[in-house]
Amino acid sequence: MGKKLCLCALAAILAMTAWERGATAGSAPPAEGKKWALQFGVTQNLTLTALQAGEVSIKQCLSTVSALRYGLGVSYDWDSDSGKNDDFTGRLAIAYQRYVNPSDAAKCYWGFGPTLAHRYRYALESDARSYMERSLGDFGIGLAAMIGVEWFAMNVISLHAEYRLDTSYHWVKNTYEYKSPSGSISRSQNTYEAFDFRNSSVLFGLSVYF
């Protein structure tokens, strides 16, 4: 349901583009002359117990029609009810961004670029006589593509919504350790490689140009 609402919101912003074309005719393009922008973004998965795909980016405006975006994304999930359970993912990305209609207040854009990601997941369940400990380390390198709309509420402040596709190759290491009530300890470890293709949630963001 949440993804459907986000897609509807993206469609609504796209629909505003036609109206904005007439409203901004003859005026200067938004953020004209600005070289940089600071961007903040979240997905619909943001909750009080999990930070999912929060992102901070610096955008370098190369011209009125193109830009480079340097982003840091973070996802963190925790569970304090069953011992210790943490799941953290960090994502670095560089994206080339191209505007389709750069003179309008509602600008459609597309982009693509490389990504680096690292995930660490740790779980511990224990009592007075035994415990079970598991961890996962995952390093991935890939390519992301996106389409979106950026709407300028003011000349230097904008809102944007975008949809992403990610493809990446991962190197994963799993470790496991268990101590039984009798005191014996068993350990195991395995590594593997995997290819991943996924469509991400819609990202909503705020940009401030300077």
N, C-alpha and C. Protein backbone atom coordinates (compact mmCIF):
# COMPACT_ATOMS: atom_id res chain seq x y z
N MET A 1 0.82 -1.20 0.00
CA MET A 1 0.00 0.00 0.00
C MET A 1 0.86 1.25 0.00
N GLY A 2 1.93 1.24 0.82
CA GLY A 2 2.80 2.42 0.90
C GLY A 2 3.46 2.73 -0.42
N LYS A 3 3.91 1.68 -1.15
CA LYS A 3 4.56 1.90 -2.45
C LYS A 3 3.58 2.47 -3.44
N LYS A 4 2.30 2.02 -3.42
CA LYS A 4 1.29 2.54 -4.32
C LYS A 4 1.04 4.02 -4.07
N LEU A 5 0.99 4.41 -2.79
CA LEU A 5 0.80 5.82 -2.46
C LEU A 5 1.96 6.67 -2.96
N CYS A 6 3.18 6.15 -2.84
CA CYS A 6 4.35 6.88 -3.30
C CYS A 6 4.34 7.04 -4.81
N LEU A 7 3.95 5.99 -5.53
CA LEU A 7 3.88 6.07 -6.98
C LEU A 7 2.80 7.05 -7.42
N CYS A 8 1.69 7.10 -6.67
CA CYS A 8 0.63 8.08 -6.98
C CYS A 8 1.12 9.50 -6.76
N ALA A 9 1.91 9.69 -5.70
CA ALA A 9 2.45 11.02 -5.44
C ALA A 9 3.41 11.44 -6.54
N LEU A 10 4.24 10.51 -7.01
CA LEU A 10 5.15 10.81 -8.11
C LEU A 10 4.38 11.16 -9.37
N ALA A 11 3.30 10.44 -9.64
CA ALA A 11 2.48 10.74 -10.81
C ALA A 11 1.83 12.12 -10.69
N ALA A 12 1.42 12.50 -9.48
CA ALA A 12 0.81 13.80 -9.29
C ALA A 12 1.80 14.93 -9.55
N ILE A 13 3.05 14.75 -9.13
CA ILE A 13 4.07 15.76 -9.39
C ILE A 13 4.34 15.87 -10.88
N LEU A 14 4.37 14.73 -11.55
CA LEU A 14 4.57 14.74 -13.00
C LEU A 14 3.44 15.49 -13.69
N ALA A 15 2.21 15.34 -13.20
CA ALA A 15 1.07 16.01 -13.81
C ALA A 15 1.14 17.53 -13.66
N MET A 16 1.84 18.00 -12.62
CA MET A 16 1.97 19.44 -12.40
C MET A 16 2.88 20.09 -13.42
N THR A 17 3.69 19.29 -14.12
CA THR A 17 4.66 19.85 -15.04
C THR A 17 4.02 20.69 -16.13
N ALA A 18 2.92 20.20 -16.70
CA ALA A 18 2.25 20.93 -17.78
C ALA A 18 1.77 22.29 -17.31
N TRP A 19 1.22 22.35 -16.09
CA TRP A 19 0.76 23.62 -15.55
C TRP A 19 1.92 24.56 -15.29
N GLU A 20 3.03 24.03 -14.80
CA GLU A 20 4.19 24.85 -14.49
C GLU A 20 4.81 25.45 -15.75
N ARG A 21 4.70 24.77 -16.89
CA ARG A 21 5.26 25.29 -18.14
C ARG A 21 4.65 26.65 -18.47
N GLY A 22 3.33 26.74 -18.33
CA GLY A 22 2.68 28.01 -18.62
C GLY A 22 2.92 29.06 -17.55
N ALA A 23 2.98 28.62 -16.30
CA ALA A 23 3.13 29.56 -15.19
C ALA A 23 4.50 30.22 -15.17
N THR A 24 5.52 29.53 -15.68
CA THR A 24 6.88 30.06 -15.61
C THR A 24 7.38 30.58 -16.95
N ALA A 25 6.51 30.67 -17.95
CA ALA A 25 6.92 31.14 -19.27
C ALA A 25 7.50 32.55 -19.17
N GLY A 26 8.66 32.74 -19.74
CA GLY A 26 9.29 34.05 -19.77
C GLY A 26 10.10 34.40 -18.54
N SER A 27 10.05 33.59 -17.49
CA SER A 27 10.79 33.88 -16.27
C SER A 27 12.12 33.13 -16.29
N ALA A 28 13.04 33.55 -15.39
CA ALA A 28 14.34 32.89 -15.31
C ALA A 28 14.18 31.49 -14.76
N PRO A 29 15.01 30.53 -15.20
CA PRO A 29 14.94 29.17 -14.66
C PRO A 29 15.21 29.16 -13.16
N PRO A 30 14.56 28.28 -12.40
CA PRO A 30 14.82 28.19 -10.96
C PRO A 30 16.28 27.89 -10.67
N ALA A 31 16.78 28.47 -9.58
CA ALA A 31 18.17 28.26 -9.12
C ALA A 31 19.20 28.66 -10.17
N GLU A 32 18.86 29.58 -11.04
CA GLU A 32 19.81 30.00 -12.07
C GLU A 32 21.04 30.64 -11.42
N GLY A 33 22.22 30.25 -11.85
CA GLY A 33 23.46 30.78 -11.32
C GLY A 33 23.98 30.05 -10.10
N LYS A 34 23.22 29.13 -9.53
CA LYS A 34 23.65 28.36 -8.36
C LYS A 34 24.48 27.16 -8.82
N LYS A 35 25.57 26.91 -8.12
CA LYS A 35 26.48 25.83 -8.52
C LYS A 35 26.35 24.57 -7.67
N TRP A 36 25.79 24.69 -6.49
CA TRP A 36 25.73 23.55 -5.57
C TRP A 36 24.35 23.46 -4.92
N ALA A 37 24.03 22.25 -4.45
CA ALA A 37 22.79 22.05 -3.70
C ALA A 37 23.04 20.98 -2.64
N LEU A 38 22.44 21.17 -1.47
CA LEU A 38 22.46 20.17 -0.40
C LEU A 38 21.10 19.49 -0.39
N GLN A 39 21.09 18.15 -0.45
CA GLN A 39 19.86 17.40 -0.58
C GLN A 39 19.68 16.41 0.57
N PHE A 40 18.43 16.29 1.02
CA PHE A 40 18.06 15.33 2.05
C PHE A 40 16.91 14.49 1.51
N GLY A 41 16.94 13.18 1.78
CA GLY A 41 15.89 12.32 1.26
C GLY A 41 15.57 11.15 2.18
N VAL A 42 14.32 10.69 2.14
CA VAL A 42 13.87 9.51 2.89
C VAL A 42 12.87 8.76 2.01
N THR A 43 12.62 7.49 2.36
CA THR A 43 11.58 6.71 1.71
C THR A 43 10.37 6.59 2.62
N GLN A 44 9.31 5.93 2.13
CA GLN A 44 8.11 5.76 2.94
C GLN A 44 8.32 4.76 4.05
N ASN A 45 9.49 4.09 4.12
CA ASN A 45 9.75 3.09 5.15
C ASN A 45 10.28 3.69 6.44
N LEU A 46 10.42 5.01 6.53
CA LEU A 46 10.95 5.64 7.73
C LEU A 46 10.00 5.45 8.90
N THR A 47 10.49 4.86 10.01
CA THR A 47 9.68 4.65 11.21
C THR A 47 10.50 5.04 12.43
N LEU A 48 9.88 4.94 13.60
CA LEU A 48 10.57 5.28 14.84
C LEU A 48 11.58 4.20 15.24
N THR A 49 11.45 2.99 14.72
CA THR A 49 12.36 1.89 15.09
C THR A 49 13.27 1.47 13.96
N ALA A 50 13.23 2.18 12.82
CA ALA A 50 14.09 1.83 11.70
C ALA A 50 14.29 3.04 10.81
N LEU A 51 15.54 3.31 10.48
CA LEU A 51 15.85 4.34 9.50
C LEU A 51 16.16 3.63 8.19
N GLN A 52 15.25 3.70 7.24
CA GLN A 52 15.38 2.97 6.00
C GLN A 52 15.70 3.92 4.86
N ALA A 53 16.91 3.77 4.32
CA ALA A 53 17.29 4.50 3.11
C ALA A 53 17.23 6.00 3.26
N GLY A 54 17.60 6.52 4.43
CA GLY A 54 17.80 7.94 4.54
C GLY A 54 19.04 8.33 3.76
N GLU A 55 19.06 9.52 3.15
CA GLU A 55 20.15 9.88 2.24
C GLU A 55 20.48 11.37 2.33
N VAL A 56 21.76 11.67 2.29
CA VAL A 56 22.25 13.04 2.19
C VAL A 56 23.13 13.13 0.96
N SER A 57 22.92 14.16 0.14
CA SER A 57 23.68 14.29 -1.10
C SER A 57 24.15 15.72 -1.30
N ILE A 58 25.27 15.86 -2.01
CA ILE A 58 25.74 17.14 -2.51
C ILE A 58 25.61 17.09 -4.04
N LYS A 59 24.92 18.07 -4.60
CA LYS A 59 24.75 18.11 -6.05
C LYS A 59 25.57 19.26 -6.63
N GLN A 60 26.38 18.94 -7.62
CA GLN A 60 27.18 19.92 -8.33
C GLN A 60 26.51 20.21 -9.67
N CYS A 61 26.06 21.44 -9.85
CA CYS A 61 25.36 21.83 -11.08
C CYS A 61 26.40 22.13 -12.17
N LEU A 62 26.46 21.27 -13.17
CA LEU A 62 27.41 21.45 -14.26
C LEU A 62 26.92 22.48 -15.27
N SER A 63 25.62 22.53 -15.49
CA SER A 63 24.98 23.48 -16.41
C SER A 63 23.51 23.53 -16.04
N THR A 64 22.70 24.21 -16.85
CA THR A 64 21.27 24.27 -16.58
C THR A 64 20.57 22.94 -16.85
N VAL A 65 21.25 22.04 -17.57
CA VAL A 65 20.60 20.78 -17.94
C VAL A 65 21.25 19.55 -17.31
N SER A 66 22.37 19.69 -16.62
CA SER A 66 23.05 18.51 -16.10
C SER A 66 23.68 18.79 -14.74
N ALA A 67 23.93 17.72 -13.98
CA ALA A 67 24.52 17.84 -12.66
C ALA A 67 25.16 16.52 -12.27
N LEU A 68 26.07 16.59 -11.30
CA LEU A 68 26.64 15.41 -10.66
C LEU A 68 26.18 15.39 -9.21
N ARG A 69 25.79 14.21 -8.74
CA ARG A 69 25.29 14.09 -7.37
C ARG A 69 26.13 13.07 -6.61
N TYR A 70 26.63 13.48 -5.44
CA TYR A 70 27.45 12.62 -4.59
C TYR A 70 26.63 12.31 -3.34
N GLY A 71 26.25 11.05 -3.16
CA GLY A 71 25.31 10.71 -2.11
C GLY A 71 25.81 9.68 -1.12
N LEU A 72 25.34 9.82 0.12
CA LEU A 72 25.58 8.86 1.19
C LEU A 72 24.22 8.42 1.72
N GLY A 73 23.93 7.13 1.58
CA GLY A 73 22.67 6.58 2.07
C GLY A 73 22.90 5.68 3.26
N VAL A 74 21.96 5.70 4.19
CA VAL A 74 22.08 4.91 5.41
C VAL A 74 20.76 4.20 5.69
N SER A 75 20.85 2.94 6.06
CA SER A 75 19.69 2.17 6.51
C SER A 75 20.08 1.46 7.80
N TYR A 76 19.29 1.64 8.85
CA TYR A 76 19.62 1.02 10.14
C TYR A 76 18.35 0.50 10.78
N ASP A 77 18.37 -0.75 11.16
CA ASP A 77 17.21 -1.41 11.79
C ASP A 77 17.69 -2.12 13.04
N TRP A 78 16.94 -2.00 14.11
CA TRP A 78 17.35 -2.64 15.36
C TRP A 78 16.13 -3.24 16.07
N ASP A 79 16.39 -4.22 16.92
CA ASP A 79 15.35 -4.92 17.66
C ASP A 79 15.88 -5.23 19.04
N SER A 80 15.34 -4.58 20.05
CA SER A 80 15.83 -4.76 21.42
C SER A 80 15.01 -5.80 22.19
N ASP A 81 14.02 -6.40 21.55
CA ASP A 81 13.16 -7.35 22.26
C ASP A 81 13.75 -8.76 22.32
N SER A 82 14.59 -9.11 21.36
CA SER A 82 15.12 -10.49 21.32
C SER A 82 16.63 -10.46 21.43
N GLY A 83 17.12 -10.11 22.59
CA GLY A 83 18.57 -10.03 22.78
C GLY A 83 19.13 -8.81 22.09
N LYS A 84 20.06 -9.03 21.15
CA LYS A 84 20.68 -7.93 20.42
C LYS A 84 20.55 -8.22 18.93
N ASN A 85 20.04 -7.28 18.18
CA ASN A 85 19.82 -7.49 16.75
C ASN A 85 19.97 -6.16 16.03
N ASP A 86 21.05 -6.01 15.25
CA ASP A 86 21.32 -4.78 14.52
C ASP A 86 21.53 -5.11 13.05
N ASP A 87 21.06 -4.21 12.19
CA ASP A 87 21.22 -4.38 10.74
C ASP A 87 21.51 -3.01 10.15
N PHE A 88 22.76 -2.82 9.71
CA PHE A 88 23.20 -1.51 9.20
C PHE A 88 23.68 -1.65 7.77
N THR A 89 23.28 -0.72 6.92
CA THR A 89 23.75 -0.65 5.55
C THR A 89 24.16 0.77 5.21
N GLY A 90 25.35 0.94 4.65
CA GLY A 90 25.82 2.23 4.16
C GLY A 90 26.00 2.16 2.65
N ARG A 91 25.66 3.24 1.95
CA ARG A 91 25.69 3.24 0.49
C ARG A 91 26.29 4.55 -0.01
N LEU A 92 27.33 4.45 -0.83
CA LEU A 92 27.92 5.60 -1.50
C LEU A 92 27.55 5.54 -2.98
N ALA A 93 27.20 6.70 -3.54
CA ALA A 93 26.79 6.72 -4.95
C ALA A 93 27.19 8.03 -5.60
N ILE A 94 27.58 7.93 -6.86
CA ILE A 94 27.80 9.10 -7.71
C ILE A 94 26.87 8.96 -8.91
N ALA A 95 26.10 9.99 -9.20
CA ALA A 95 25.12 9.90 -10.28
C ALA A 95 25.23 11.11 -11.20
N TYR A 96 25.19 10.84 -12.49
CA TYR A 96 25.04 11.90 -13.48
C TYR A 96 23.55 12.13 -13.68
N GLN A 97 23.11 13.38 -13.56
CA GLN A 97 21.69 13.72 -13.63
C GLN A 97 21.45 14.67 -14.80
N ARG A 98 20.40 14.38 -15.57
CA ARG A 98 20.08 15.18 -16.76
C ARG A 98 18.62 15.61 -16.71
N TYR A 99 18.38 16.93 -16.86
CA TYR A 99 17.02 17.47 -16.87
C TYR A 99 16.44 17.43 -18.27
N VAL A 100 15.16 17.08 -18.35
CA VAL A 100 14.48 17.05 -19.64
C VAL A 100 13.95 18.43 -20.01
N ASN A 101 13.43 19.15 -19.03
CA ASN A 101 12.85 20.49 -19.25
C ASN A 101 13.45 21.47 -18.24
N PRO A 102 14.67 21.93 -18.43
CA PRO A 102 15.40 22.68 -17.41
C PRO A 102 14.84 24.05 -17.07
N SER A 103 14.00 24.64 -17.91
CA SER A 103 13.51 25.99 -17.66
C SER A 103 12.24 26.02 -16.83
N ASP A 104 11.64 24.88 -16.55
CA ASP A 104 10.37 24.84 -15.82
C ASP A 104 10.58 24.74 -14.32
N ALA A 105 9.53 25.11 -13.58
CA ALA A 105 9.58 24.98 -12.12
C ALA A 105 9.44 23.54 -11.67
N ALA A 106 8.82 22.70 -12.50
CA ALA A 106 8.75 21.26 -12.24
C ALA A 106 9.58 20.56 -13.30
N LYS A 107 10.78 20.11 -12.90
CA LYS A 107 11.74 19.57 -13.86
C LYS A 107 11.78 18.04 -13.81
N CYS A 108 11.53 17.41 -14.95
CA CYS A 108 11.69 15.96 -15.04
C CYS A 108 13.18 15.66 -15.29
N TYR A 109 13.66 14.56 -14.71
CA TYR A 109 15.08 14.22 -14.91
C TYR A 109 15.27 12.71 -14.91
N TRP A 110 16.42 12.31 -15.43
CA TRP A 110 16.87 10.93 -15.35
C TRP A 110 18.34 10.94 -14.98
N GLY A 111 18.84 9.80 -14.55
CA GLY A 111 20.24 9.75 -14.15
C GLY A 111 20.73 8.33 -13.96
N PHE A 112 22.03 8.18 -13.83
CA PHE A 112 22.64 6.87 -13.59
C PHE A 112 24.03 7.08 -13.01
N GLY A 113 24.57 6.04 -12.39
CA GLY A 113 25.92 6.13 -11.85
C GLY A 113 26.29 4.92 -11.00
N PRO A 114 27.57 4.81 -10.61
CA PRO A 114 28.05 3.67 -9.83
C PRO A 114 27.69 3.79 -8.35
N THR A 115 27.66 2.64 -7.69
CA THR A 115 27.36 2.59 -6.26
C THR A 115 28.30 1.63 -5.54
N LEU A 116 28.56 1.93 -4.27
CA LEU A 116 29.28 1.03 -3.36
C LEU A 116 28.43 0.88 -2.11
N ALA A 117 28.30 -0.35 -1.62
CA ALA A 117 27.46 -0.57 -0.45
C ALA A 117 28.12 -1.58 0.48
N HIS A 118 27.91 -1.39 1.77
CA HIS A 118 28.38 -2.35 2.78
C HIS A 118 27.27 -2.57 3.79
N ARG A 119 26.99 -3.83 4.06
CA ARG A 119 25.97 -4.19 5.04
C ARG A 119 26.59 -5.03 6.15
N TYR A 120 26.20 -4.74 7.40
CA TYR A 120 26.63 -5.54 8.54
C TYR A 120 25.41 -5.86 9.38
N ARG A 121 25.18 -7.14 9.57
CA ARG A 121 24.04 -7.58 10.37
C ARG A 121 24.55 -8.47 11.50
N TYR A 122 24.08 -8.19 12.71
CA TYR A 122 24.54 -8.93 13.89
C TYR A 122 23.35 -9.28 14.76
N ALA A 123 23.30 -10.54 15.21
CA ALA A 123 22.22 -10.99 16.08
C ALA A 123 22.79 -11.84 17.20
N LEU A 124 22.31 -11.61 18.41
CA LEU A 124 22.75 -12.37 19.58
C LEU A 124 21.53 -12.68 20.43
N GLU A 125 21.36 -13.97 20.72
CA GLU A 125 20.32 -14.43 21.63
C GLU A 125 21.01 -15.24 22.72
N SER A 126 20.78 -14.88 23.97
CA SER A 126 21.51 -15.54 25.06
C SER A 126 20.67 -15.62 26.32
N ASP A 127 21.07 -16.55 27.17
CA ASP A 127 20.51 -16.65 28.51
C ASP A 127 21.67 -16.99 29.45
N ALA A 128 21.37 -17.46 30.64
CA ALA A 128 22.42 -17.70 31.64
C ALA A 128 23.35 -18.84 31.25
N ARG A 129 22.90 -19.79 30.43
CA ARG A 129 23.69 -20.99 30.16
C ARG A 129 24.09 -21.16 28.70
N SER A 130 23.47 -20.44 27.78
CA SER A 130 23.76 -20.66 26.36
C SER A 130 23.61 -19.35 25.59
N TYR A 131 24.12 -19.38 24.36
CA TYR A 131 23.93 -18.23 23.48
C TYR A 131 24.04 -18.69 22.02
N MET A 132 23.48 -17.88 21.14
CA MET A 132 23.60 -18.09 19.70
C MET A 132 23.94 -16.74 19.07
N GLU A 133 25.06 -16.71 18.34
CA GLU A 133 25.56 -15.46 17.77
C GLU A 133 25.71 -15.63 16.26
N ARG A 134 25.16 -14.69 15.51
CA ARG A 134 25.25 -14.73 14.06
C ARG A 134 25.65 -13.36 13.53
N SER A 135 26.45 -13.33 12.46
CA SER A 135 26.82 -12.06 11.84
C SER A 135 26.93 -12.24 10.33
N LEU A 136 26.72 -11.16 9.62
CA LEU A 136 26.82 -11.15 8.16
C LEU A 136 27.54 -9.89 7.72
N GLY A 137 28.51 -10.04 6.83
CA GLY A 137 29.19 -8.92 6.20
C GLY A 137 28.98 -8.99 4.70
N ASP A 138 28.57 -7.90 4.10
CA ASP A 138 28.21 -7.90 2.68
C ASP A 138 28.79 -6.64 2.03
N PHE A 139 29.65 -6.84 1.02
CA PHE A 139 30.19 -5.72 0.25
C PHE A 139 29.69 -5.84 -1.18
N GLY A 140 29.15 -4.74 -1.72
CA GLY A 140 28.60 -4.77 -3.06
C GLY A 140 29.03 -3.59 -3.90
N ILE A 141 29.18 -3.80 -5.20
CA ILE A 141 29.48 -2.75 -6.16
C ILE A 141 28.49 -2.87 -7.30
N GLY A 142 27.97 -1.74 -7.77
CA GLY A 142 26.93 -1.85 -8.79
C GLY A 142 26.68 -0.56 -9.54
N LEU A 143 25.50 -0.51 -10.16
CA LEU A 143 25.08 0.61 -10.99
C LEU A 143 23.62 0.90 -10.68
N ALA A 144 23.27 2.17 -10.54
CA ALA A 144 21.90 2.58 -10.26
C ALA A 144 21.40 3.53 -11.35
N ALA A 145 20.11 3.44 -11.66
CA ALA A 145 19.46 4.34 -12.60
C ALA A 145 18.21 4.89 -11.94
N MET A 146 17.85 6.12 -12.29
CA MET A 146 16.67 6.72 -11.67
C MET A 146 15.94 7.65 -12.63
N ILE A 147 14.66 7.84 -12.38
CA ILE A 147 13.85 8.86 -13.03
C ILE A 147 13.11 9.61 -11.93
N GLY A 148 12.85 10.89 -12.14
CA GLY A 148 12.18 11.65 -11.10
C GLY A 148 11.72 13.01 -11.57
N VAL A 149 11.16 13.74 -10.61
CA VAL A 149 10.69 15.10 -10.84
C VAL A 149 11.15 15.97 -9.68
N GLU A 150 11.66 17.15 -9.99
CA GLU A 150 12.06 18.14 -8.98
C GLU A 150 11.20 19.38 -9.15
N TRP A 151 10.49 19.76 -8.09
CA TRP A 151 9.57 20.91 -8.14
C TRP A 151 10.10 22.01 -7.23
N PHE A 152 10.25 23.21 -7.80
CA PHE A 152 10.79 24.34 -7.05
C PHE A 152 9.67 25.11 -6.38
N ALA A 153 9.58 24.94 -5.05
CA ALA A 153 8.62 25.71 -4.27
C ALA A 153 9.07 27.16 -4.15
N MET A 154 10.38 27.38 -4.12
CA MET A 154 10.99 28.71 -4.15
C MET A 154 12.15 28.65 -5.13
N ASN A 155 12.78 29.78 -5.39
CA ASN A 155 13.85 29.82 -6.38
C ASN A 155 15.04 28.93 -6.00
N VAL A 156 15.32 28.80 -4.70
CA VAL A 156 16.48 28.02 -4.27
C VAL A 156 16.11 26.83 -3.39
N ILE A 157 14.83 26.53 -3.25
CA ILE A 157 14.37 25.38 -2.46
C ILE A 157 13.44 24.54 -3.32
N SER A 158 13.71 23.24 -3.37
CA SER A 158 12.90 22.35 -4.20
C SER A 158 12.57 21.06 -3.46
N LEU A 159 11.54 20.40 -3.92
CA LEU A 159 11.16 19.06 -3.47
C LEU A 159 11.32 18.11 -4.65
N HIS A 160 11.74 16.88 -4.39
CA HIS A 160 11.86 15.94 -5.49
C HIS A 160 11.39 14.55 -5.07
N ALA A 161 10.94 13.80 -6.07
CA ALA A 161 10.55 12.40 -5.88
C ALA A 161 11.14 11.62 -7.03
N GLU A 162 11.76 10.47 -6.71
CA GLU A 162 12.40 9.68 -7.76
C GLU A 162 12.26 8.19 -7.49
N TYR A 163 12.32 7.44 -8.57
CA TYR A 163 12.23 5.99 -8.51
C TYR A 163 13.53 5.41 -9.06
N ARG A 164 14.07 4.39 -8.37
CA ARG A 164 15.38 3.86 -8.72
C ARG A 164 15.33 2.37 -9.05
N LEU A 165 16.27 1.99 -9.88
CA LEU A 165 16.57 0.59 -10.16
C LEU A 165 18.05 0.38 -9.84
N ASP A 166 18.35 -0.71 -9.12
CA ASP A 166 19.73 -1.00 -8.72
C ASP A 166 20.14 -2.39 -9.16
N THR A 167 21.34 -2.49 -9.72
CA THR A 167 21.93 -3.80 -9.99
C THR A 167 23.33 -3.81 -9.38
N SER A 168 23.69 -4.91 -8.73
CA SER A 168 24.97 -4.94 -8.02
C SER A 168 25.48 -6.37 -7.86
N TYR A 169 26.77 -6.48 -7.63
CA TYR A 169 27.43 -7.77 -7.38
C TYR A 169 27.97 -7.75 -5.95
N HIS A 170 27.73 -8.84 -5.20
CA HIS A 170 28.01 -8.85 -3.76
C HIS A 170 28.96 -9.99 -3.37
N TRP A 171 29.81 -9.67 -2.40
CA TRP A 171 30.65 -10.65 -1.72
C TRP A 171 30.17 -10.73 -0.28
N VAL A 172 29.73 -11.90 0.15
CA VAL A 172 29.06 -12.06 1.43
C VAL A 172 29.80 -13.07 2.31
N LYS A 173 29.90 -12.76 3.60
CA LYS A 173 30.51 -13.67 4.58
C LYS A 173 29.57 -13.83 5.76
N ASN A 174 29.22 -15.08 6.06
CA ASN A 174 28.36 -15.41 7.20
C ASN A 174 29.16 -16.15 8.27
N THR A 175 28.94 -15.80 9.53
CA THR A 175 29.56 -16.54 10.64
C THR A 175 28.47 -16.91 11.66
N TYR A 176 28.70 -18.03 12.33
CA TYR A 176 27.71 -18.56 13.28
C TYR A 176 28.44 -19.22 14.44
N GLU A 177 27.97 -18.95 15.64
CA GLU A 177 28.55 -19.59 16.84
C GLU A 177 27.44 -19.89 17.83
N TYR A 178 27.47 -21.11 18.35
CA TYR A 178 26.43 -21.54 19.30
C TYR A 178 27.07 -22.25 20.50
N LYS A 179 26.67 -21.83 21.67
CA LYS A 179 27.09 -22.48 22.91
C LYS A 179 25.86 -23.14 23.54
N SER A 180 25.92 -24.44 23.69
CA SER A 180 24.78 -25.18 24.24
C SER A 180 24.77 -25.09 25.77
N PRO A 181 23.66 -25.43 26.40
CA PRO A 181 23.62 -25.43 27.88
C PRO A 181 24.66 -26.34 28.52
N SER A 182 25.11 -27.35 27.79
CA SER A 182 26.13 -28.27 28.35
C SER A 182 27.53 -27.66 28.29
N GLY A 183 27.72 -26.56 27.59
CA GLY A 183 29.02 -25.90 27.51
C GLY A 183 29.76 -26.10 26.22
N SER A 184 29.32 -27.00 25.34
CA SER A 184 30.00 -27.21 24.06
C SER A 184 29.71 -26.04 23.11
N ILE A 185 30.71 -25.72 22.29
CA ILE A 185 30.61 -24.59 21.37
C ILE A 185 30.81 -25.09 19.94
N SER A 186 29.93 -24.69 19.06
CA SER A 186 30.05 -25.02 17.63
C SER A 186 30.14 -23.73 16.83
N ARG A 187 31.01 -23.75 15.82
CA ARG A 187 31.21 -22.57 14.98
C ARG A 187 31.17 -22.97 13.51
N SER A 188 30.71 -22.04 12.68
CA SER A 188 30.73 -22.27 11.23
C SER A 188 30.88 -20.93 10.52
N GLN A 189 31.39 -21.01 9.29
CA GLN A 189 31.60 -19.81 8.49
C GLN A 189 31.49 -20.18 7.01
N ASN A 190 30.82 -19.34 6.24
CA ASN A 190 30.74 -19.58 4.81
C ASN A 190 30.75 -18.25 4.05
N THR A 191 31.29 -18.28 2.86
CA THR A 191 31.33 -17.09 2.00
C THR A 191 30.74 -17.45 0.64
N TYR A 192 30.16 -16.48 0.01
CA TYR A 192 29.61 -16.69 -1.33
C TYR A 192 29.51 -15.35 -2.06
N GLU A 193 29.28 -15.42 -3.37
CA GLU A 193 29.11 -14.25 -4.21
C GLU A 193 27.74 -14.33 -4.87
N ALA A 194 27.12 -13.16 -5.09
CA ALA A 194 25.76 -13.15 -5.64
C ALA A 194 25.53 -11.88 -6.46
N PHE A 195 24.67 -12.01 -7.45
CA PHE A 195 24.25 -10.87 -8.28
C PHE A 195 22.85 -10.47 -7.85
N ASP A 196 22.61 -9.17 -7.72
CA ASP A 196 21.33 -8.69 -7.21
C ASP A 196 20.76 -7.62 -8.14
N PHE A 197 19.48 -7.71 -8.42
CA PHE A 197 18.78 -6.69 -9.19
C PHE A 197 17.50 -6.36 -8.44
N ARG A 198 17.30 -5.10 -8.14
CA ARG A 198 16.12 -4.73 -7.37
C ARG A 198 15.60 -3.36 -7.75
N ASN A 199 14.31 -3.16 -7.55
CA ASN A 199 13.72 -1.84 -7.68
C ASN A 199 13.52 -1.27 -6.28
N SER A 200 14.02 -0.08 -6.07
CA SER A 200 13.98 0.53 -4.75
C SER A 200 12.67 1.26 -4.53
N SER A 201 12.46 1.69 -3.29
CA SER A 201 11.29 2.50 -2.99
C SER A 201 11.44 3.89 -3.60
N VAL A 202 10.31 4.57 -3.70
CA VAL A 202 10.34 5.96 -4.15
C VAL A 202 10.98 6.82 -3.07
N LEU A 203 11.92 7.65 -3.47
CA LEU A 203 12.63 8.53 -2.54
C LEU A 203 12.06 9.93 -2.64
N PHE A 204 11.71 10.51 -1.49
CA PHE A 204 11.24 11.89 -1.42
C PHE A 204 12.35 12.74 -0.80
N GLY A 205 12.60 13.94 -1.37
CA GLY A 205 13.70 14.74 -0.88
C GLY A 205 13.47 16.23 -0.92
N LEU A 206 14.36 16.94 -0.24
CA LEU A 206 14.38 18.40 -0.18
C LEU A 206 15.76 18.88 -0.58
N SER A 207 15.84 19.89 -1.43
CA SER A 207 17.11 20.45 -1.88
C SER A 207 17.17 21.94 -1.56
N VAL A 208 18.37 22.38 -1.14
CA VAL A 208 18.62 23.79 -0.90
C VAL A 208 19.82 24.18 -1.75
N TYR A 209 19.65 25.16 -2.66
CA TYR A 209 20.70 25.57 -3.57
C TYR A 209 21.46 26.76 -3.02
N PHE A 210 22.76 26.80 -3.32
CA PHE A 210 23.58 27.92 -2.86
C PHE A 210 24.70 28.17 -3.85
